[in-house]
Amino acid sequence: MTERPSCAFVAEQLVPPRPAPVRSTGIISLFQSRLLNSPTNILLTIISVLLLYYTLVPSIKFLLIDAVWQGESRTDCLAPGAGQVVGACWPFVQAKFAQFVYGFYPEPERWRVNLTFALGALLMLPLLIPRAPAKAANAAVFFIAFPVLAYFLLHGGGLRGFALSWSADALEALAGSFVGAGHKLGASASFAAPLGHAIAAFGSALTLAIAPLTWLRDQIQSSAYALWIDLAGTAAITSVLLFLLAGGFRNGWAALLRSVAVFAAIALVMLALRLDRGGLPVVDTRLWGGLLVTLVVSVTGIVASLPIGIALALGRRSAIPLIRIFSVAFIEFWRGVPLITVLFFATYMLPLFLPGNFTVDGLVRVLIGIALFAGAYNAEVIRGGLQAIPRGQVEAASALGLSYWKTNGLIVLPQALRHVIPGLVNSFIALFKDTSLVSIVALFDLLGQLRASLADPNWSTPTTLFTGFAFTGFIYFVFCFGMSRYSLSVEHRLNAHRRH
């Protein structure tokens, strides 16, 4: 066999060098690689620069360069002569700043608003810090104790009773409602007459059952120290029940001490606010306004709508048909009507359906309507997170013997809420901005106070309107942007296991 000759190739010339890699660091390289790397990007960059030039530059000139910073009346914000350009009239904001924050809240009592803002910020700050200690106790104080304290600080007034008296009054009113409704149905000649008699009989039985409690209430109210006796009785009954439920003499001492400490703190607050002697002067909610109303409505709506949304989302996925149908009907009804309709109904129509002389404050009616409206939207957001959880996790929890509530509270909801953080925060931001709609039902929020202040002829200038809206827009932007950035940090922290 003959061997084939081997072919060898020997390069006689060097391969030409490759071009140097494009520099990817520095401002110039950033512009080249991101903004000027193709004809389309070059065109878009030019258009964007022109848009920024024709929007940002006039805005900066109006708000800062040509603005008037000092003055005492409208004459300081008018052009001194022909050809003169005057920008934003910031003395108008300085003169109306207290009205933007407090509305028509009495000036000698505005320290109560400042104290409420300060307490809310101090209690919220540890909740926003990831590694802050005692988060459970702090959350309980912020979501349970602080709203009650804020009510007595902002509204004023005192207490005439405590839990024992309140329970007796509520049960007595409930029994009276059953008796009254039963008599009305029983007096009719229709097929509902037997049902009316049964309802009236149930109301009468309930009245007899609560007779000892109503007698105790009457005895307490006849004393000169009715409030303190009621508080002591409530504290004693609650502490004993918690002591027994926590294990009695073996394990119940910690629960007993916590209960005593809570009621001692309540007693100190009552002494500080003089709730047993009429409390602070009453400030009607019709005098509230400005940023105060905006924060009260938005914070209450956000805090109250989240548990409502969770309950409705779980109810819509419930296996019980009655609960599922009710949840679906509730969600679709509140999502099918605009918020303006809800506010009008809560303000002007709801009092027509309340029994007897029972009245609800106008601001409270608005808060209830907004909480239910926002809760329906949050329910759909949370339901999307619930559907993202694999069914196998629920089956595994059932195999381990966990109950329905433990399965949802410990396994399903923590993961579902983590998935829907962007959607929930988006709903919260929309709710914060929608608080401006309360001005149509005679509640002057931040924008409502701005419109009221623009009617002052002492500050009637061509630039006052734009200055006021720029100021309020900046306030809305600060709150909304803060919520957005904090939600991004929370999402980044909770989804750390997904980062690569």
Protein backbone atom coordinates (compact mmCIF):
# COMPACT_ATOMS: atom_id res chain seq x y z
CA MET A 1 0.00 0.00 0.00
CA THR A 2 1.24 3.40 -0.84
CA GLU A 3 0.90 6.21 1.67
CA ARG A 4 -0.87 9.36 0.61
CA PRO A 5 1.24 12.43 0.73
CA SER A 6 0.34 14.69 3.64
CA CYS A 7 -0.78 18.20 2.79
CA ALA A 8 0.48 20.90 5.08
CA PHE A 9 -0.57 24.56 5.01
CA VAL A 10 1.77 27.17 6.30
CA ALA A 11 0.51 30.74 6.54
CA GLU A 12 2.87 33.13 4.94
CA GLN A 13 1.07 36.28 6.22
CA LEU A 14 -0.32 37.25 9.64
CA VAL A 15 -4.04 37.50 10.20
CA PRO A 16 -5.11 41.16 10.30
CA PRO A 17 -5.82 42.38 13.85
CA ARG A 18 -9.43 42.73 15.02
CA PRO A 19 -10.81 46.16 15.88
CA ALA A 20 -10.55 47.17 19.50
CA PRO A 21 -13.69 46.41 21.59
CA VAL A 22 -16.10 49.27 22.04
CA ARG A 23 -15.64 50.90 25.40
CA SER A 24 -18.66 50.23 27.62
CA THR A 25 -17.88 52.51 30.56
CA GLY A 26 -18.18 56.25 30.93
CA ILE A 27 -20.78 58.75 29.84
CA ILE A 28 -19.62 58.97 26.22
CA SER A 29 -19.65 55.22 25.76
CA LEU A 30 -23.08 55.05 27.42
CA PHE A 31 -24.45 57.51 24.88
CA GLN A 32 -22.83 55.61 22.02
CA SER A 33 -24.06 52.17 23.11
CA ARG A 34 -27.53 53.08 24.36
CA LEU A 35 -28.67 56.24 22.59
CA LEU A 36 -26.72 56.57 19.34
CA ASN A 37 -26.10 52.97 18.28
CA SER A 38 -28.63 52.90 15.44
CA PRO A 39 -30.52 55.35 13.20
CA THR A 40 -33.80 54.61 15.06
CA ASN A 41 -32.24 55.27 18.46
CA ILE A 42 -30.63 58.45 17.16
CA LEU A 43 -34.03 59.70 15.97
CA LEU A 44 -35.72 58.78 19.24
CA THR A 45 -32.93 60.45 21.21
CA ILE A 46 -33.30 63.69 19.25
CA ILE A 47 -37.09 63.69 19.74
CA SER A 48 -36.72 63.00 23.47
CA VAL A 49 -34.19 65.79 23.91
CA LEU A 50 -36.50 68.22 22.12
CA LEU A 51 -39.45 67.19 24.28
CA LEU A 52 -37.40 67.65 27.44
CA TYR A 53 -36.14 71.00 26.24
CA TYR A 54 -39.63 72.33 25.47
CA THR A 55 -41.12 71.03 28.74
CA LEU A 56 -38.42 71.05 31.41
CA VAL A 57 -36.79 74.34 30.53
CA PRO A 58 -40.02 76.41 30.64
CA SER A 59 -41.08 74.62 33.82
CA ILE A 60 -37.79 75.37 35.57
CA LYS A 61 -37.92 78.98 34.43
CA PHE A 62 -41.51 79.33 35.68
CA LEU A 63 -41.02 77.55 39.02
CA LEU A 64 -37.52 78.74 39.95
CA ILE A 65 -35.85 81.34 37.78
CA ASP A 66 -38.70 83.78 37.07
CA ALA A 67 -40.58 82.94 40.27
CA VAL A 68 -41.49 85.44 42.97
CA TRP A 69 -40.28 84.22 46.37
CA GLN A 70 -41.23 87.02 48.72
CA GLY A 71 -44.34 89.12 48.93
CA GLU A 72 -47.44 89.93 50.94
CA SER A 73 -50.18 90.38 48.34
CA ARG A 74 -51.06 89.89 44.71
CA THR A 75 -49.27 93.07 43.66
CA ASP A 76 -45.92 91.41 44.37
CA CYS A 77 -46.74 88.66 41.85
CA LEU A 78 -47.82 90.94 39.00
CA ALA A 79 -45.54 91.99 36.16
CA PRO A 80 -44.02 95.40 36.98
CA GLY A 81 -44.09 96.56 33.38
CA ALA A 82 -44.58 95.66 29.75
CA GLY A 83 -42.36 92.81 28.58
CA GLN A 84 -41.70 91.66 32.13
CA VAL A 85 -42.23 87.95 32.82
CA VAL A 86 -43.33 86.73 36.23
CA GLY A 87 -43.20 83.08 37.14
CA ALA A 88 -44.66 81.15 40.06
CA CYS A 89 -46.18 83.15 42.91
CA TRP A 90 -44.72 81.32 45.92
CA PRO A 91 -45.90 83.93 48.46
CA PHE A 92 -49.40 82.65 47.71
CA VAL A 93 -48.36 79.16 48.88
CA GLN A 94 -46.70 80.63 51.97
CA ALA A 95 -49.82 82.58 52.86
CA LYS A 96 -52.15 79.61 52.33
CA PHE A 97 -49.85 76.87 53.61
CA ALA A 98 -51.71 76.41 56.89
CA GLN A 99 -54.99 76.13 54.99
CA PHE A 100 -53.47 73.51 52.68
CA VAL A 101 -52.42 71.40 55.67
CA TYR A 102 -55.20 71.91 58.24
CA GLY A 103 -58.14 73.24 56.26
CA PHE A 104 -60.43 75.22 58.57
CA TYR A 105 -59.26 73.40 61.69
CA PRO A 106 -59.21 75.91 64.59
CA GLU A 107 -55.77 77.43 64.92
CA PRO A 108 -55.47 76.99 68.74
CA GLU A 109 -56.17 73.26 68.33
CA ARG A 110 -53.79 72.55 65.47
CA TRP A 111 -51.24 71.08 67.87
CA ARG A 112 -53.53 68.05 67.95
CA VAL A 113 -53.09 67.53 64.20
CA ASN A 114 -49.32 67.92 64.51
CA LEU A 115 -49.23 65.42 67.38
CA THR A 116 -51.28 62.94 65.37
CA PHE A 117 -48.94 63.27 62.38
CA ALA A 118 -45.90 62.82 64.62
CA LEU A 119 -47.30 59.76 66.41
CA GLY A 120 -48.31 58.18 63.10
CA ALA A 121 -44.84 58.71 61.64
CA LEU A 122 -43.09 57.36 64.75
CA LEU A 123 -45.25 54.24 64.81
CA MET A 124 -44.99 53.63 61.06
CA LEU A 125 -41.22 54.03 60.86
CA PRO A 126 -40.37 50.78 62.73
CA LEU A 127 -42.83 48.91 60.51
CA LEU A 128 -40.97 50.07 57.41
CA ILE A 129 -37.54 49.05 58.77
CA PRO A 130 -36.97 45.35 57.96
CA ARG A 131 -34.96 44.41 61.05
CA ALA A 132 -36.72 46.56 63.63
CA PRO A 133 -37.58 44.58 66.80
CA ALA A 134 -41.07 43.95 68.26
CA LYS A 135 -42.87 44.32 64.94
CA ALA A 136 -45.95 42.43 66.16
CA ALA A 137 -46.49 44.73 69.15
CA ASN A 138 -45.75 47.80 67.04
CA ALA A 139 -48.22 46.69 64.36
CA ALA A 140 -50.90 46.09 67.00
CA VAL A 141 -50.39 49.59 68.39
CA PHE A 142 -50.41 51.20 64.94
CA PHE A 143 -53.43 49.38 63.49
CA ILE A 144 -55.58 49.07 66.64
CA ALA A 145 -54.63 51.63 69.28
CA PHE A 146 -53.47 54.51 67.09
CA PRO A 147 -56.77 54.95 65.14
CA VAL A 148 -58.69 55.25 68.42
CA LEU A 149 -56.16 57.71 69.83
CA ALA A 150 -56.15 59.71 66.59
CA TYR A 151 -59.94 59.94 66.68
CA PHE A 152 -59.99 61.47 70.17
CA LEU A 153 -57.08 63.76 69.29
CA LEU A 154 -58.56 65.06 66.06
CA HIS A 155 -62.27 64.99 66.84
CA GLY A 156 -62.20 65.48 70.60
CA GLY A 157 -64.93 64.59 73.05
CA GLY A 158 -64.96 62.14 75.92
CA LEU A 159 -66.28 58.75 76.93
CA ARG A 160 -69.42 57.93 78.88
CA GLY A 161 -68.80 54.21 79.06
CA PHE A 162 -66.54 51.36 78.10
CA ALA A 163 -66.91 47.84 76.72
CA LEU A 164 -69.58 46.65 79.18
CA SER A 165 -71.84 49.62 78.47
CA TRP A 166 -71.13 49.46 74.74
CA SER A 167 -71.99 45.76 74.60
CA ALA A 168 -75.25 46.32 76.47
CA ASP A 169 -76.21 49.23 74.22
CA ALA A 170 -75.42 47.30 71.03
CA LEU A 171 -77.30 44.18 72.11
CA GLU A 172 -80.25 46.24 73.32
CA ALA A 173 -80.43 48.09 69.99
CA LEU A 174 -80.16 44.80 68.10
CA ALA A 175 -82.97 43.25 70.15
CA GLY A 176 -85.12 46.34 69.61
CA SER A 177 -84.52 46.15 65.86
CA PHE A 178 -85.65 42.52 65.78
CA VAL A 179 -88.76 43.33 67.79
CA GLY A 180 -89.65 46.34 65.63
CA ALA A 181 -89.06 44.53 62.34
CA GLY A 182 -91.02 41.52 63.59
CA HIS A 183 -94.03 43.62 64.58
CA LYS A 184 -94.04 45.33 61.17
CA LEU A 185 -94.00 42.00 59.35
CA GLY A 186 -96.50 40.45 61.76
CA ALA A 187 -98.99 43.26 61.23
CA SER A 188 -99.12 42.56 57.50
CA ALA A 189 -101.68 40.21 56.04
CA SER A 190 -99.21 38.50 53.74
CA PHE A 191 -97.47 35.15 54.02
CA ALA A 192 -94.62 36.88 55.91
CA ALA A 193 -96.76 37.40 59.04
CA PRO A 194 -95.62 34.13 60.74
CA LEU A 195 -92.01 35.02 60.00
CA GLY A 196 -92.59 38.44 61.58
CA HIS A 197 -93.99 36.88 64.73
CA ALA A 198 -90.97 34.58 64.95
CA ILE A 199 -88.56 37.50 64.55
CA ALA A 200 -90.39 39.49 67.23
CA ALA A 201 -90.29 36.50 69.56
CA PHE A 202 -86.55 36.13 68.98
CA GLY A 203 -86.04 39.82 69.77
CA SER A 204 -88.02 39.47 72.99
CA ALA A 205 -86.00 36.41 74.00
CA LEU A 206 -82.79 38.31 73.31
CA THR A 207 -84.02 41.17 75.47
CA LEU A 208 -84.62 38.79 78.36
CA ALA A 209 -81.23 37.13 77.84
CA ILE A 210 -79.32 40.40 78.06
CA ALA A 211 -81.34 41.69 81.01
CA PRO A 212 -78.49 41.02 83.52
CA LEU A 213 -76.04 42.91 81.30
CA THR A 214 -78.39 45.88 80.89
CA TRP A 215 -79.00 45.91 84.67
CA LEU A 216 -75.23 45.98 85.24
CA ARG A 217 -74.92 48.84 82.75
CA ASP A 218 -77.60 50.85 84.55
CA GLN A 219 -75.87 50.32 87.87
CA ILE A 220 -72.54 51.43 86.44
CA GLN A 221 -74.01 54.52 84.75
CA SER A 222 -75.64 55.63 88.02
CA SER A 223 -72.22 56.04 89.65
CA ALA A 224 -70.15 59.21 89.58
CA TYR A 225 -67.17 57.14 88.43
CA ALA A 226 -69.06 55.19 85.77
CA LEU A 227 -66.28 55.27 83.17
CA TRP A 228 -63.59 53.99 85.54
CA ILE A 229 -65.85 51.28 86.96
CA ASP A 230 -66.71 50.17 83.44
CA LEU A 231 -63.02 50.13 82.47
CA ALA A 232 -62.10 48.14 85.60
CA GLY A 233 -64.88 45.62 84.96
CA THR A 234 -63.88 45.22 81.33
CA ALA A 235 -60.23 44.80 82.30
CA ALA A 236 -61.08 42.19 84.95
CA ILE A 237 -63.32 40.11 82.68
CA THR A 238 -60.91 40.29 79.72
CA SER A 239 -57.84 39.49 81.81
CA VAL A 240 -59.47 36.48 83.47
CA LEU A 241 -60.65 35.10 80.13
CA LEU A 242 -57.21 35.50 78.56
CA PHE A 243 -55.64 33.93 81.64
CA LEU A 244 -57.88 30.86 81.40
CA LEU A 245 -57.59 30.51 77.63
CA ALA A 246 -53.77 30.72 77.79
CA GLY A 247 -53.50 27.81 80.22
CA GLY A 248 -54.58 29.08 83.63
CA PHE A 249 -52.14 28.82 86.53
CA ARG A 250 -49.65 26.89 84.43
CA ASN A 251 -49.12 29.07 81.33
CA GLY A 252 -51.53 32.00 81.60
CA TRP A 253 -49.50 34.48 83.62
CA ALA A 254 -47.83 36.09 80.60
CA ALA A 255 -51.21 36.71 78.93
CA LEU A 256 -52.55 38.12 82.21
CA LEU A 257 -49.64 40.55 82.54
CA ARG A 258 -50.00 41.69 78.93
CA SER A 259 -53.71 42.32 79.41
CA VAL A 260 -53.12 44.31 82.60
CA ALA A 261 -50.40 46.36 80.85
CA VAL A 262 -52.70 47.15 77.91
CA PHE A 263 -55.54 48.33 80.14
CA ALA A 264 -53.10 50.34 82.25
CA ALA A 265 -51.92 52.10 79.07
CA ILE A 266 -55.57 52.76 78.14
CA ALA A 267 -56.16 54.29 81.57
CA LEU A 268 -53.12 56.56 81.17
CA VAL A 269 -54.34 57.75 77.76
CA MET A 270 -57.79 58.44 79.22
CA LEU A 271 -56.22 60.50 81.99
CA ALA A 272 -53.98 62.40 79.56
CA LEU A 273 -56.87 63.27 77.24
CA ARG A 274 -59.33 63.80 80.11
CA LEU A 275 -61.81 61.44 78.51
CA ASP A 276 -63.64 61.07 81.82
CA ARG A 277 -64.27 64.83 81.92
CA GLY A 278 -65.46 65.50 78.39
CA GLY A 279 -62.07 65.20 76.69
CA LEU A 280 -60.62 67.75 74.30
CA PRO A 281 -62.85 70.35 72.61
CA VAL A 282 -64.88 68.82 69.80
CA VAL A 283 -63.84 69.83 66.27
CA ASP A 284 -66.49 68.89 63.74
CA THR A 285 -65.23 66.98 60.70
CA ARG A 286 -66.72 69.67 58.45
CA LEU A 287 -63.87 71.91 59.64
CA TRP A 288 -61.22 69.37 58.67
CA GLY A 289 -59.51 69.86 55.37
CA GLY A 290 -56.33 69.98 53.34
CA LEU A 291 -53.61 67.40 53.74
CA LEU A 292 -55.28 66.23 56.96
CA VAL A 293 -58.35 64.92 55.12
CA THR A 294 -56.23 63.50 52.30
CA LEU A 295 -54.12 61.46 54.71
CA VAL A 296 -57.06 60.37 56.87
CA VAL A 297 -59.07 59.16 53.87
CA SER A 298 -56.16 57.53 52.04
CA VAL A 299 -54.54 55.81 55.04
CA THR A 300 -57.88 54.56 56.36
CA GLY A 301 -58.88 53.35 52.92
CA ILE A 302 -55.58 51.56 52.35
CA VAL A 303 -55.48 49.90 55.77
CA ALA A 304 -59.15 48.90 55.80
CA SER A 305 -59.37 47.75 52.17
CA LEU A 306 -56.55 45.18 52.43
CA PRO A 307 -58.28 42.79 54.90
CA ILE A 308 -61.56 43.31 53.02
CA GLY A 309 -59.84 42.35 49.79
CA ILE A 310 -58.24 39.27 51.37
CA ALA A 311 -61.59 38.11 52.78
CA LEU A 312 -63.37 38.63 49.44
CA ALA A 313 -60.61 36.88 47.47
CA LEU A 314 -60.76 33.85 49.78
CA GLY A 315 -64.55 33.94 49.66
CA ARG A 316 -64.57 33.94 45.86
CA ARG A 317 -62.47 30.75 45.90
CA SER A 318 -64.52 29.16 48.67
CA ALA A 319 -66.13 25.75 48.22
CA ILE A 320 -69.30 26.94 49.98
CA PRO A 321 -71.69 28.21 47.26
CA LEU A 322 -73.37 30.85 49.43
CA ILE A 323 -70.06 32.48 50.40
CA ARG A 324 -68.76 32.28 46.84
CA ILE A 325 -71.90 33.81 45.32
CA PHE A 326 -71.94 36.61 47.90
CA SER A 327 -68.26 37.42 47.28
CA VAL A 328 -68.69 37.43 43.50
CA ALA A 329 -71.79 39.62 43.69
CA PHE A 330 -70.10 42.04 46.11
CA ILE A 331 -66.97 42.37 43.98
CA GLU A 332 -68.81 42.81 40.69
CA PHE A 333 -71.24 45.34 42.18
CA TRP A 334 -68.55 47.61 43.66
CA ARG A 335 -66.35 47.30 40.58
CA GLY A 336 -69.30 48.13 38.34
CA VAL A 337 -70.07 51.55 39.83
CA PRO A 338 -67.80 54.63 39.76
CA LEU A 339 -66.34 56.00 42.96
CA ILE A 340 -68.33 59.23 42.59
CA THR A 341 -71.56 57.23 42.77
CA VAL A 342 -70.29 55.45 45.88
CA LEU A 343 -69.44 58.74 47.56
CA PHE A 344 -72.84 60.26 46.74
CA PHE A 345 -74.67 57.18 47.96
CA ALA A 346 -72.65 56.98 51.19
CA THR A 347 -73.12 60.68 51.90
CA TYR A 348 -76.72 61.37 50.94
CA MET A 349 -78.53 58.03 50.61
CA LEU A 350 -77.10 55.94 53.46
CA PRO A 351 -78.72 58.05 56.23
CA LEU A 352 -82.15 57.21 54.75
CA PHE A 353 -81.60 53.51 55.46
CA LEU A 354 -80.37 53.90 59.05
CA PRO A 355 -82.88 53.00 61.76
CA GLY A 356 -84.42 55.63 64.04
CA ASN A 357 -82.24 58.50 65.15
CA PHE A 358 -79.02 56.61 64.43
CA THR A 359 -76.62 58.89 62.58
CA VAL A 360 -73.14 58.45 61.16
CA ASP A 361 -70.67 61.28 60.65
CA GLY A 362 -70.21 62.37 57.03
CA LEU A 363 -66.49 61.63 56.99
CA VAL A 364 -67.08 58.16 58.45
CA ARG A 365 -69.62 57.42 55.72
CA VAL A 366 -67.07 58.42 53.07
CA LEU A 367 -64.41 56.25 54.72
CA ILE A 368 -66.71 53.23 54.72
CA GLY A 369 -67.60 53.72 51.05
CA ILE A 370 -63.97 54.11 49.96
CA ALA A 371 -62.84 51.09 52.00
CA LEU A 372 -65.49 48.85 50.41
CA PHE A 373 -64.80 50.23 46.93
CA ALA A 374 -61.04 49.71 47.20
CA GLY A 375 -61.50 46.32 48.87
CA ALA A 376 -63.36 45.01 45.82
CA TYR A 377 -60.47 45.98 43.53
CA ASN A 378 -57.87 44.56 45.92
CA ALA A 379 -59.81 41.30 46.01
CA GLU A 380 -59.20 40.71 42.32
CA VAL A 381 -55.51 41.57 42.66
CA ILE A 382 -55.12 39.16 45.57
CA ARG A 383 -57.11 36.46 43.75
CA GLY A 384 -54.52 36.60 40.98
CA GLY A 385 -51.83 35.90 43.55
CA LEU A 386 -53.83 33.02 45.02
CA GLN A 387 -54.17 31.42 41.61
CA ALA A 388 -50.40 31.58 41.16
CA ILE A 389 -49.86 29.21 44.10
CA PRO A 390 -49.59 25.57 42.95
CA ARG A 391 -52.41 23.37 44.16
CA GLY A 392 -49.87 20.85 45.39
CA GLN A 393 -48.92 23.11 48.29
CA VAL A 394 -52.50 23.14 49.57
CA GLU A 395 -52.73 19.37 49.20
CA ALA A 396 -49.44 18.93 51.03
CA ALA A 397 -50.69 21.14 53.88
CA SER A 398 -53.87 19.08 54.09
CA ALA A 399 -51.79 15.90 54.18
CA LEU A 400 -49.85 17.34 57.13
CA GLY A 401 -53.11 17.96 58.98
CA LEU A 402 -53.19 21.74 58.75
CA SER A 403 -56.58 23.40 58.94
CA TYR A 404 -58.00 25.71 56.27
CA TRP A 405 -57.05 28.85 58.17
CA LYS A 406 -53.52 27.66 58.98
CA THR A 407 -53.00 26.60 55.37
CA ASN A 408 -53.99 30.02 54.07
CA GLY A 409 -52.37 32.04 56.86
CA LEU A 410 -49.03 30.23 56.94
CA ILE A 411 -48.54 28.92 53.39
CA VAL A 412 -50.83 30.38 50.74
CA LEU A 413 -51.34 34.05 51.65
CA PRO A 414 -47.66 34.90 52.39
CA GLN A 415 -46.68 33.69 48.92
CA ALA A 416 -49.72 35.17 47.18
CA LEU A 417 -49.25 38.62 48.70
CA ARG A 418 -45.58 38.55 47.74
CA HIS A 419 -46.54 37.92 44.12
CA VAL A 420 -49.03 40.80 43.96
CA ILE A 421 -47.02 43.55 45.66
CA PRO A 422 -46.84 45.65 42.45
CA GLY A 423 -50.58 45.33 41.84
CA LEU A 424 -51.50 46.19 45.43
CA VAL A 425 -49.22 49.21 45.53
CA ASN A 426 -50.65 50.36 42.22
CA SER A 427 -54.14 50.18 43.76
CA PHE A 428 -52.94 52.07 46.84
CA ILE A 429 -51.40 54.83 44.72
CA ALA A 430 -54.61 55.13 42.68
CA LEU A 431 -56.62 55.31 45.91
CA PHE A 432 -54.35 58.03 47.29
CA LYS A 433 -54.95 60.14 44.18
CA ASP A 434 -58.68 59.37 44.08
CA THR A 435 -59.13 61.00 47.49
CA SER A 436 -59.46 64.27 45.58
CA LEU A 437 -62.98 63.14 44.60
CA VAL A 438 -64.24 63.66 48.17
CA SER A 439 -64.45 67.38 47.45
CA ILE A 440 -67.68 66.76 45.52
CA VAL A 441 -69.38 65.68 48.77
CA ALA A 442 -68.33 68.81 50.69
CA LEU A 443 -65.08 67.44 52.12
CA PHE A 444 -62.20 69.78 51.36
CA ASP A 445 -59.10 67.69 50.84
CA LEU A 446 -55.81 69.10 49.57
CA LEU A 447 -57.14 69.96 46.10
CA GLY A 448 -60.43 71.16 47.59
CA GLN A 449 -58.57 73.60 49.81
CA LEU A 450 -56.57 74.76 46.81
CA ARG A 451 -59.76 75.56 44.91
CA ALA A 452 -61.15 77.37 47.94
CA SER A 453 -57.98 79.42 48.36
CA LEU A 454 -57.98 80.40 44.68
CA ALA A 455 -61.24 82.27 45.31
CA ASP A 456 -59.38 84.78 47.50
CA PRO A 457 -59.23 88.05 45.50
CA ASN A 458 -56.16 89.18 47.44
CA TRP A 459 -54.13 86.57 45.53
CA SER A 460 -55.83 86.71 42.14
CA THR A 461 -52.97 86.71 39.62
CA PRO A 462 -52.44 85.00 36.24
CA THR A 463 -49.86 82.63 37.78
CA THR A 464 -51.55 81.79 41.10
CA LEU A 465 -53.55 78.92 39.65
CA PHE A 466 -50.50 77.22 38.11
CA THR A 467 -48.46 77.76 41.28
CA GLY A 468 -51.08 76.14 43.48
CA PHE A 469 -51.48 73.10 41.25
CA ALA A 470 -47.72 72.74 40.95
CA PHE A 471 -47.39 72.74 44.74
CA THR A 472 -50.17 70.20 45.31
CA GLY A 473 -48.91 68.07 42.44
CA PHE A 474 -45.48 67.96 44.05
CA ILE A 475 -47.02 66.77 47.33
CA TYR A 476 -48.95 64.01 45.56
CA PHE A 477 -45.82 63.02 43.66
CA VAL A 478 -43.73 62.76 46.84
CA PHE A 479 -46.21 60.43 48.54
CA CYS A 480 -46.88 58.29 45.46
CA PHE A 481 -43.22 58.05 44.46
CA GLY A 482 -42.30 57.14 48.05
CA MET A 483 -44.84 54.30 48.07
CA SER A 484 -43.58 53.10 44.70
CA ARG A 485 -39.91 53.04 45.67
CA TYR A 486 -40.56 51.38 49.02
CA SER A 487 -42.66 48.69 47.34
CA LEU A 488 -39.78 48.01 44.94
CA SER A 489 -37.41 47.54 47.87
CA VAL A 490 -39.88 45.21 49.61
CA GLU A 491 -40.38 43.21 46.42
CA HIS A 492 -36.62 42.97 45.92
CA ARG A 493 -36.09 41.80 49.50
CA LEU A 494 -38.91 39.24 49.55
CA ASN A 495 -37.96 37.77 46.18
CA ALA A 496 -34.28 37.39 47.03
CA HIS A 497 -34.44 33.64 46.33
CA ARG A 498 -35.30 34.40 42.69
CA ARG A 499 -32.36 36.67 41.97
CA HIS A 500 -29.58 35.15 39.90
